[in-house]
C-alpha atoms as a PDB file:
ATOM      1  CA  MET A   1     -18.026  14.198  13.055  1.00  0.00           C
ATOM      2  CA  THR A   2     -17.987  12.385  16.417  1.00  0.00           C
ATOM      3  CA  LEU A   3     -15.567  10.002  17.701  1.00  0.00           C
ATOM      4  CA  PRO A   4     -16.830   6.461  17.690  1.00  0.00           C
ATOM      5  CA  MET A   5     -16.306   3.987  21.008  1.00  0.00           C
ATOM      6  CA  PRO A   6     -13.122   2.272  20.500  1.00  0.00           C
ATOM      7  CA  LEU A   7     -14.147  -1.575  19.420  1.00  0.00           C
ATOM      8  CA  GLU A   8     -13.774  -3.597  22.387  1.00  0.00           C
ATOM      9  CA  ASN A   9     -12.179  -6.425  20.661  1.00  0.00           C
ATOM     10  CA  ALA A  10     -10.013  -4.867  18.179  1.00  0.00           C
ATOM     11  CA  ALA A  11      -6.491  -6.290  17.747  1.00  0.00           C
ATOM     12  CA  PRO A  12      -3.653  -5.045  19.544  1.00  0.00           C
ATOM     13  CA  ALA A  13      -2.283  -1.930  18.352  1.00  0.00           C
ATOM     14  CA  LEU A  14       0.894  -1.299  16.619  1.00  0.00           C
ATOM     15  CA  ASP A  15       3.580   0.546  17.675  1.00  0.00           C
ATOM     16  CA  ALA A  16       3.360   3.390  14.764  1.00  0.00           C
ATOM     17  CA  SER A  17       3.482   7.373  14.195  1.00  0.00           C
ATOM     18  CA  ILE A  18       1.159   8.407  12.085  1.00  0.00           C
ATOM     19  CA  LEU A  19       1.421  11.650   9.911  1.00  0.00           C
ATOM     20  CA  ILE A  20      -1.926  13.124   8.841  1.00  0.00           C
ATOM     21  CA  VAL A  21      -1.300  15.886   5.652  1.00  0.00           C
ATOM     22  CA  ASP A  22      -5.161  17.569   6.153  1.00  0.00           C
ATOM     23  CA  ASP A  23      -6.012  21.243   5.699  1.00  0.00           C
ATOM     24  CA  ASP A  24      -9.154  20.353   7.704  1.00  0.00           C
ATOM     25  CA  VAL A  25      -7.791  21.304  10.781  1.00  0.00           C
ATOM     26  CA  GLU A  26     -11.010  20.268  13.395  1.00  0.00           C
ATOM     27  CA  LEU A  27     -10.871  17.036  11.292  1.00  0.00           C
ATOM     28  CA  CYS A  28      -6.876  16.420  12.443  1.00  0.00           C
ATOM     29  CA  GLU A  29      -7.601  16.909  15.862  1.00  0.00           C
ATOM     30  CA  LEU A  30     -10.373  14.755  15.931  1.00  0.00           C
ATOM     31  CA  VAL A  31      -8.955  11.901  13.851  1.00  0.00           C
ATOM     32  CA  SER A  32      -5.704  12.422  16.000  1.00  0.00           C
ATOM     33  CA  GLU A  33      -7.396  11.828  19.024  1.00  0.00           C
ATOM     34  CA  TYR A  34      -9.015   8.995  18.254  1.00  0.00           C
ATOM     35  CA  LEU A  35      -5.944   7.281  17.020  1.00  0.00           C
ATOM     36  CA  VAL A  36      -3.830   8.004  20.091  1.00  0.00           C
ATOM     37  CA  SER A  37      -7.000   6.020  21.878  1.00  0.00           C
ATOM     38  CA  GLN A  38      -6.028   3.151  19.899  1.00  0.00           C
ATOM     39  CA  GLY A  39      -2.412   3.161  20.789  1.00  0.00           C
ATOM     40  CA  LEU A  40      -0.884   5.271  18.036  1.00  0.00           C
ATOM     41  CA  ARG A  41       1.025   8.190  17.824  1.00  0.00           C
ATOM     42  CA  ALA A  42      -0.394  10.805  15.451  1.00  0.00           C
ATOM     43  CA  GLU A  43       0.640  14.095  14.222  1.00  0.00           C
ATOM     44  CA  ALA A  44      -1.237  16.990  11.800  1.00  0.00           C
ATOM     45  CA  VAL A  45       0.099  19.202   9.313  1.00  0.00           C
ATOM     46  CA  HIS A  46      -1.869  21.077   6.993  1.00  0.00           C
ATOM     47  CA  ASP A  47      -0.096  22.021   4.203  1.00  0.00           C
ATOM     48  CA  GLY A  48       1.398  19.694   1.218  1.00  0.00           C
ATOM     49  CA  THR A  49       4.728  21.269   0.763  1.00  0.00           C
ATOM     50  CA  VAL A  50       5.284  21.193   4.827  1.00  0.00           C
ATOM     51  CA  GLY A  51       3.578  17.368   4.680  1.00  0.00           C
ATOM     52  CA  LEU A  52       6.108  16.487   2.398  1.00  0.00           C
ATOM     53  CA  GLY A  53       9.064  17.288   4.222  1.00  0.00           C
ATOM     54  CA  ARG A  54       7.727  15.526   7.754  1.00  0.00           C
ATOM     55  CA  ALA A  55       6.771  12.302   5.156  1.00  0.00           C
ATOM     56  CA  LEU A  56      10.463  12.352   3.654  1.00  0.00           C
ATOM     57  CA  SER A  57      11.997  12.588   7.309  1.00  0.00           C
ATOM     58  CA  GLY A  58      11.708   8.789   8.372  1.00  0.00           C
ATOM     59  CA  ALA A  59       9.798   9.510  11.291  1.00  0.00           C
ATOM     60  CA  TYR A  60       6.616   8.346  10.727  1.00  0.00           C
ATOM     61  CA  SER A  61       5.371   4.658   9.646  1.00  0.00           C
ATOM     62  CA  LEU A  62       2.350   5.946   7.903  1.00  0.00           C
ATOM     63  CA  ILE A  63       1.246   8.867   6.282  1.00  0.00           C
ATOM     64  CA  VAL A  64      -2.595   9.948   5.685  1.00  0.00           C
ATOM     65  CA  LEU A  65      -2.541  12.196   2.809  1.00  0.00           C
ATOM     66  CA  ASP A  66      -5.658  14.546   1.744  1.00  0.00           C
ATOM     67  CA  VAL A  67      -6.009  15.102  -2.102  1.00  0.00           C
ATOM     68  CA  MET A  68      -6.953  18.872  -1.913  1.00  0.00           C
ATOM     69  CA  LEU A  69      -4.088  20.561  -0.276  1.00  0.00           C
ATOM     70  CA  PRO A  70      -2.690  24.049  -0.117  1.00  0.00           C
ATOM     71  CA  GLY A  71       0.744  24.123  -1.053  1.00  0.00           C
ATOM     72  CA  MET A  72       1.101  21.247  -3.193  1.00  0.00           C
ATOM     73  CA  ARG A  73      -1.810  19.137  -4.291  1.00  0.00           C
ATOM     74  CA  GLY A  74      -1.483  15.727  -2.151  1.00  0.00           C
ATOM     75  CA  PHE A  75      -1.032  13.927  -5.696  1.00  0.00           C
ATOM     76  CA  GLU A  76       2.535  15.867  -6.446  1.00  0.00           C
ATOM     77  CA  VAL A  77       3.088  15.139  -2.512  1.00  0.00           C
ATOM     78  CA  LEU A  78       2.843  11.409  -3.263  1.00  0.00           C
ATOM     79  CA  ARG A  79       4.738  11.537  -6.414  1.00  0.00           C
ATOM     80  CA  LYS A  80       7.564  12.843  -4.463  1.00  0.00           C
ATOM     81  CA  ILE A  81       7.201  10.599  -1.943  1.00  0.00           C
ATOM     82  CA  ARG A  82       7.131   7.518  -3.989  1.00  0.00           C
ATOM     83  CA  ALA A  83      10.460   8.894  -5.865  1.00  0.00           C
ATOM     84  CA  THR A  84      12.715   8.224  -2.685  1.00  0.00           C
ATOM     85  CA  SER A  85       9.966   6.549  -0.305  1.00  0.00           C
ATOM     86  CA  THR A  86       8.023   3.360   0.033  1.00  0.00           C
ATOM     87  CA  VAL A  87       6.631   4.518   3.449  1.00  0.00           C
ATOM     88  CA  PRO A  88       2.648   3.627   3.062  1.00  0.00           C
ATOM     89  CA  VAL A  89       0.156   5.909   2.163  1.00  0.00           C
ATOM     90  CA  VAL A  90      -3.080   6.075   2.521  1.00  0.00           C
ATOM     91  CA  MET A  91      -5.089   8.957   0.647  1.00  0.00           C
ATOM     92  CA  LEU A  92      -8.091  10.694   1.459  1.00  0.00           C
ATOM     93  CA  THR A  93     -10.665  11.523  -1.567  1.00  0.00           C
ATOM     94  CA  ALA A  94     -14.153  13.183  -1.922  1.00  0.00           C
ATOM     95  CA  HIS A  95     -16.653  10.681  -1.869  1.00  0.00           C
ATOM     96  CA  GLY A  96     -17.349   9.352  -5.121  1.00  0.00           C
ATOM     97  CA  ASP A  97     -14.818  10.545  -6.956  1.00  0.00           C
ATOM     98  CA  ASP A  98     -13.176   7.147  -8.930  1.00  0.00           C
ATOM     99  CA  VAL A  99     -10.782   9.239 -10.748  1.00  0.00           C
ATOM    100  CA  ASP A 100      -9.079  10.343  -7.801  1.00  0.00           C
ATOM    101  CA  ARG A 101      -8.932   7.115  -6.280  1.00  0.00           C
ATOM    102  CA  ILE A 102      -7.413   5.732  -9.128  1.00  0.00           C
ATOM    103  CA  VAL A 103      -4.826   8.424  -9.656  1.00  0.00           C
ATOM    104  CA  GLY A 104      -4.024   7.955  -6.288  1.00  0.00           C
ATOM    105  CA  LEU A 105      -3.337   4.630  -6.785  1.00  0.00           C
ATOM    106  CA  GLU A 106      -1.639   4.201 -10.042  1.00  0.00           C
ATOM    107  CA  ILE A 107       1.029   7.139  -8.263  1.00  0.00           C
ATOM    108  CA  GLY A 108       1.859   4.429  -4.892  1.00  0.00           C
ATOM    109  CA  ALA A 109      -1.317   5.088  -2.126  1.00  0.00           C
ATOM    110  CA  ASP A 110      -1.364   1.598  -0.617  1.00  0.00           C
ATOM    111  CA  ASP A 111      -5.041   2.601   0.497  1.00  0.00           C
ATOM    112  CA  TYR A 112      -7.803   5.191   0.048  1.00  0.00           C
ATOM    113  CA  LEU A 113     -10.997   6.471   2.055  1.00  0.00           C
ATOM    114  CA  SER A 114     -13.725   8.770   0.652  1.00  0.00           C
ATOM    115  CA  LYS A 115     -14.756  11.669   3.008  1.00  0.00           C
ATOM    116  CA  PRO A 116     -16.788  11.927   4.845  1.00  0.00           C
ATOM    117  CA  PHE A 117     -15.661   8.400   7.202  1.00  0.00           C
ATOM    118  CA  ASN A 118     -15.669   7.422  10.310  1.00  0.00           C
ATOM    119  CA  PRO A 119     -12.301   7.682  12.418  1.00  0.00           C
ATOM    120  CA  ARG A 120     -13.063   3.838  13.165  1.00  0.00           C
ATOM    121  CA  GLU A 121     -12.914   2.887   9.727  1.00  0.00           C
ATOM    122  CA  LEU A 122      -9.442   4.868   9.114  1.00  0.00           C
ATOM    123  CA  ALA A 123      -7.907   3.515  11.816  1.00  0.00           C
ATOM    124  CA  ALA A 124      -9.083  -0.261  10.721  1.00  0.00           C
ATOM    125  CA  ARG A 125      -7.276   0.583   7.417  1.00  0.00           C
ATOM    126  CA  ILE A 126      -4.228   1.677   9.086  1.00  0.00           C
ATOM    127  CA  HIS A 127      -3.763  -1.163  11.005  1.00  0.00           C
ATOM    128  CA  ALA A 128      -4.643  -3.201   8.297  1.00  0.00           C
ATOM    129  CA  VAL A 129      -1.720  -1.741   5.688  1.00  0.00           C
ATOM    130  CA  LEU A 130       0.873  -1.859   8.894  1.00  0.00           C
ATOM    131  CA  ARG A 131       0.407  -5.053   9.693  1.00  0.00           C
ATOM    132  CA  ARG A 132       1.394  -5.882   5.558  1.00  0.00           C
ATOM    133  CA  THR A 133       4.633  -3.873   6.508  1.00  0.00           C
ATOM    134  CA  SER A 134       5.599  -4.768  10.109  1.00  0.00           C
ATOM    135  CA  SER A 135       7.059  -8.375   9.323  1.00  0.00           C
ATOM    136  CA  ALA A 136      10.400  -6.323   7.691  1.00  0.00           C
ATOM    137  CA  PRO A 137      13.300  -6.778   9.711  1.00  0.00           C
ATOM    138  CA  THR A 138      15.207  -3.383  11.244  1.00  0.00           C
ATOM    139  CA  ASN A 139      18.022  -3.906   9.004  1.00  0.00           C
ATOM    140  CA  PRO A 140      16.708  -6.282   5.638  1.00  0.00           C
ATOM    141  CA  ALA A 141      20.572  -5.994   4.515  1.00  0.00           C
ATOM    142  CA  ALA A 142      22.261  -7.860   7.374  1.00  0.00           C
ATOM    143  CA  ALA A 143      19.062 -10.543   8.226  1.00  0.00           C
ATOM    144  CA  PRO A 144      19.481 -13.897   6.488  1.00  0.00           C
ATOM    145  CA  SER A 145      16.818 -14.314   3.648  1.00  0.00           C
ATOM    146  CA  PRO A 146      15.985 -18.176   3.785  1.00  0.00           C
ATOM    147  CA  ASP A 147      12.271 -16.997   2.290  1.00  0.00           C
ATOM    148  CA  LEU A 148      14.002 -16.453  -0.972  1.00  0.00           C
ATOM    149  CA  THR A 149      12.364 -17.382  -4.560  1.00  0.00           C
ATOM    150  CA  ILE A 150      14.080 -16.708  -7.903  1.00  0.00           C
ATOM    151  CA  LEU A 151      12.092 -16.531 -10.829  1.00  0.00           C
ATOM    152  CA  GLY A 152      14.545 -15.935 -14.049  1.00  0.00           C
ATOM    153  CA  ASP A 153      15.716 -12.140 -13.531  1.00  0.00           C
ATOM    154  CA  LEU A 154      13.767 -11.820 -10.232  1.00  0.00           C
ATOM    155  CA  GLU A 155      14.518 -12.440  -6.213  1.00  0.00           C
ATOM    156  CA  VAL A 156      11.772 -12.337  -4.416  1.00  0.00           C
ATOM    157  CA  ASP A 157      12.673 -12.203  -0.550  1.00  0.00           C
ATOM    158  CA  THR A 158       9.515 -12.707   1.874  1.00  0.00           C
ATOM    159  CA  ARG A 159      11.671 -11.770   5.039  1.00  0.00           C
ATOM    160  CA  ALA A 160      13.276  -8.925   3.773  1.00  0.00           C
ATOM    161  CA  ARG A 161      10.590  -7.763   1.637  1.00  0.00           C
ATOM    162  CA  LEU A 162      12.567  -6.794  -1.350  1.00  0.00           C
ATOM    163  CA  VAL A 163      12.092  -7.885  -4.858  1.00  0.00           C
ATOM    164  CA  ARG A 164      15.363  -7.498  -7.113  1.00  0.00           C
ATOM    165  CA  HIS A 165      15.493  -7.556 -10.610  1.00  0.00           C
ATOM    166  CA  ASN A 166      18.734  -8.453 -12.036  1.00  0.00           C
ATOM    167  CA  GLY A 167      20.209  -7.548  -8.349  1.00  0.00           C
ATOM    168  CA  ARG A 168      18.613  -4.328  -8.157  1.00  0.00           C
ATOM    169  CA  ALA A 169      16.079  -4.135  -5.323  1.00  0.00           C
ATOM    170  CA  VAL A 170      12.263  -2.489  -6.957  1.00  0.00           C
ATOM    171  CA  PRO A 171      10.849  -0.385  -5.055  1.00  0.00           C
ATOM    172  CA  LEU A 172       6.978  -1.144  -4.205  1.00  0.00           C
ATOM    173  CA  THR A 173       4.427  -0.373  -2.166  1.00  0.00           C
ATOM    174  CA  SER A 174       3.127  -2.952   0.875  1.00  0.00           C
ATOM    175  CA  VAL A 175       0.107  -4.262  -1.401  1.00  0.00           C
ATOM    176  CA  GLU A 176       2.687  -4.580  -5.049  1.00  0.00           C
ATOM    177  CA  PHE A 177       4.717  -6.476  -2.488  1.00  0.00           C
ATOM    178  CA  GLU A 178       2.094  -8.990  -1.313  1.00  0.00           C
ATOM    179  CA  LEU A 179       0.805  -9.393  -4.693  1.00  0.00           C
ATOM    180  CA  MET A 180       4.548 -10.334  -5.501  1.00  0.00           C
ATOM    181  CA  ALA A 181       5.000 -12.281  -2.735  1.00  0.00           C
ATOM    182  CA  ALA A 182       1.583 -14.604  -3.819  1.00  0.00           C
ATOM    183  CA  PHE A 183       2.738 -14.824  -7.051  1.00  0.00           C
ATOM    184  CA  SER A 184       5.923 -16.162  -6.072  1.00  0.00           C
ATOM    185  CA  LYS A 185       4.067 -19.183  -3.756  1.00  0.00           C
ATOM    186  CA  LEU A 186       2.234 -20.275  -6.801  1.00  0.00           C
ATOM    187  CA  PRO A 187       4.603 -19.525 -10.291  1.00  0.00           C
ATOM    188  CA  GLY A 188       2.839 -20.993 -13.219  1.00  0.00           C
ATOM    189  CA  GLN A 189      -0.027 -21.350 -11.547  1.00  0.00           C
ATOM    190  CA  VAL A 190      -3.539 -19.556 -11.639  1.00  0.00           C
ATOM    191  CA  ILE A 191      -4.614 -17.244  -8.667  1.00  0.00           C
ATOM    192  CA  PRO A 192      -8.584 -16.738  -8.330  1.00  0.00           C
ATOM    193  CA  ARG A 193      -9.448 -13.018  -8.182  1.00  0.00           C
ATOM    194  CA  ASP A 194     -11.442 -13.207  -5.339  1.00  0.00           C
ATOM    195  CA  GLU A 195      -8.400 -15.283  -3.128  1.00  0.00           C
ATOM    196  CA  LEU A 196      -5.697 -12.797  -4.399  1.00  0.00           C
ATOM    197  CA  GLY A 197      -7.952  -9.816  -3.366  1.00  0.00           C
ATOM    198  CA  LYS A 198      -8.390 -11.149   0.201  1.00  0.00           C
ATOM    199  CA  ARG A 199      -5.173 -12.330   0.593  1.00  0.00           C
ATOM    200  CA  VAL A 200      -3.340  -9.234  -0.331  1.00  0.00           C
ATOM    201  CA  LEU A 201      -6.150  -6.419   0.831  1.00  0.00           C
ATOM    202  CA  GLY A 202      -8.042  -8.409   3.341  1.00  0.00           C
ATOM    203  CA  ASN A 203     -11.725  -8.137   4.463  1.00  0.00           C
ATOM    204  CA  GLN A 204     -11.650  -4.569   2.683  1.00  0.00           C
ATOM    205  CA  PHE A 205     -11.855  -6.130  -0.727  1.00  0.00           C
ATOM    206  CA  LEU A 206     -15.011  -6.742  -2.471  1.00  0.00           C
ATOM    207  CA  HIS A 207     -15.440  -8.301  -6.023  1.00  0.00           C
ATOM    208  CA  SER A 208     -16.563  -5.090  -7.478  1.00  0.00           C
ATOM    209  CA  ASP A 209     -13.285  -3.333  -6.392  1.00  0.00           C
ATOM    210  CA  ARG A 210     -11.218  -2.715  -9.438  1.00  0.00           C
ATOM    211  CA  LYS A 211      -8.052  -1.352  -6.699  1.00  0.00           C
ATOM    212  CA  LEU A 212      -7.031  -5.217  -7.333  1.00  0.00           C
ATOM    213  CA  ASP A 213      -6.319  -4.565 -10.840  1.00  0.00           C
ATOM    214  CA  VAL A 214      -5.179  -1.009 -10.342  1.00  0.00           C
ATOM    215  CA  HIS A 215      -2.212  -2.479  -8.180  1.00  0.00           C
ATOM    216  CA  ILE A 216      -1.623  -5.171 -10.798  1.00  0.00           C
ATOM    217  CA  SER A 217      -1.027  -2.923 -13.448  1.00  0.00           C
ATOM    218  CA  ASN A 218       1.298  -0.890 -11.373  1.00  0.00           C
ATOM    219  CA  LEU A 219       3.531  -3.585 -10.409  1.00  0.00           C
ATOM    220  CA  ARG A 220       3.584  -5.044 -14.185  1.00  0.00           C
ATOM    221  CA  LYS A 221       4.569  -1.345 -15.056  1.00  0.00           C
ATOM    222  CA  LYS A 222       7.420  -1.901 -12.127  1.00  0.00           C
ATOM    223  CA  LEU A 223       8.727  -4.947 -13.165  1.00  0.00           C
ATOM    224  CA  GLY A 224       8.428  -5.069 -16.858  1.00  0.00           C
ATOM    225  CA  PRO A 225       8.085  -7.676 -19.619  1.00  0.00           C
ATOM    226  CA  SER A 226      10.110 -10.737 -18.534  1.00  0.00           C
ATOM    227  CA  PRO A 227      13.536 -11.486 -20.519  1.00  0.00           C
ATOM    228  CA  ASP A 228      12.237 -12.814 -23.908  1.00  0.00           C
ATOM    229  CA  GLY A 229       9.597  -9.663 -24.118  1.00  0.00           C
ATOM    230  CA  SER A 230       6.147 -11.940 -22.667  1.00  0.00           C
ATOM    231  CA  GLU A 231       4.107 -10.202 -20.238  1.00  0.00           C
ATOM    232  CA  ARG A 232       4.883 -11.703 -16.382  1.00  0.00           C
ATOM    233  CA  ILE A 233       1.916 -11.452 -14.676  1.00  0.00           C
ATOM    234  CA  ARG A 234      -1.082 -12.007 -17.036  1.00  0.00           C
ATOM    235  CA  SER A 235      -4.703 -11.897 -16.780  1.00  0.00           C
ATOM    236  CA  ILE A 236      -7.017 -14.979 -16.771  1.00  0.00           C
ATOM    237  CA  ARG A 237     -10.580 -13.916 -18.496  1.00  0.00           C
ATOM    238  CA  ASN A 238     -12.871 -14.132 -15.407  1.00  0.00           C
ATOM    239  CA  ILE A 239     -11.143 -16.468 -13.598  1.00  0.00           C
ATOM    240  CA  GLY A 240      -7.740 -14.665 -12.030  1.00  0.00           C
ATOM    241  CA  TYR A 241      -4.031 -13.475 -12.587  1.00  0.00           C
ATOM    242  CA  ILE A 242      -1.079 -15.837 -13.238  1.00  0.00           C
ATOM    243  CA  TYR A 243       2.595 -15.310 -13.271  1.00  0.00           C
ATOM    244  CA  ALA A 244       3.808 -16.560 -16.079  1.00  0.00           C
ATOM    245  CA  LEU A 245       7.085 -18.886 -16.153  1.00  0.00           C
ATOM    246  CA  PRO A 246       8.715 -18.390 -19.592  1.00  0.00           C
ATOM    247  CA  GLY A 247       8.350 -20.912 -22.150  1.00  0.00           C
ATOM    248  CA  ASN A 248       4.924 -21.973 -20.795  1.00  0.00           C
ATOM    249  CA  SER A 249       1.988 -21.003 -22.846  1.00  0.00           C
ATOM    250  CA  TYR A 250      -1.430 -19.772 -21.113  1.00  0.00           C
END
């Protein structure tokens, strides 16, 4: 793999520290070099167990995590990360392995990229995920929340990037939060699938991509049913999705 030339009109780099967990030492060196050229800080480890400890240290803005790792497989690392942390994770999967991609998203990955890949595409995906999370205030608990939407037993605070269920914070990935923020702005209204996908996934979204549907499925599970037992987020066949308001029929 050779390093691509940086894009002349690339967006300004975000001040962020990236942890790469992959047992391919040469790949890590090349990717780290390219990310640094893009204004990011990058560090690599080559073992799943070591990677988990670093990922949970709170020192990194985003984790790039390979599926196949010595010490601890990538999926298990991701499960343990998601048990206590919402740090963004981009998974690296084998080319054409749809099962790995879906499993990674179901566990809580924010995005994935198939090997082999161009470091420029990885950098673009990292920047896209970081932009979705960079608006959170340094101390959300102390910050005012003027952008608060109440949907029955749910509160969506777009400034603090928090969703609360009966007063308790719901741990969401960056994509899941963006989905909930979109629904909170248009409760009871159908949002076309393509519009929703582009809003939360940006230009990476393709109509045929099932990534959006997996993220929505994960969000449904975390939120649980409405107090009346009905489904909060409903699929409208061949159109899109709707955050259903209690008492309304769709």
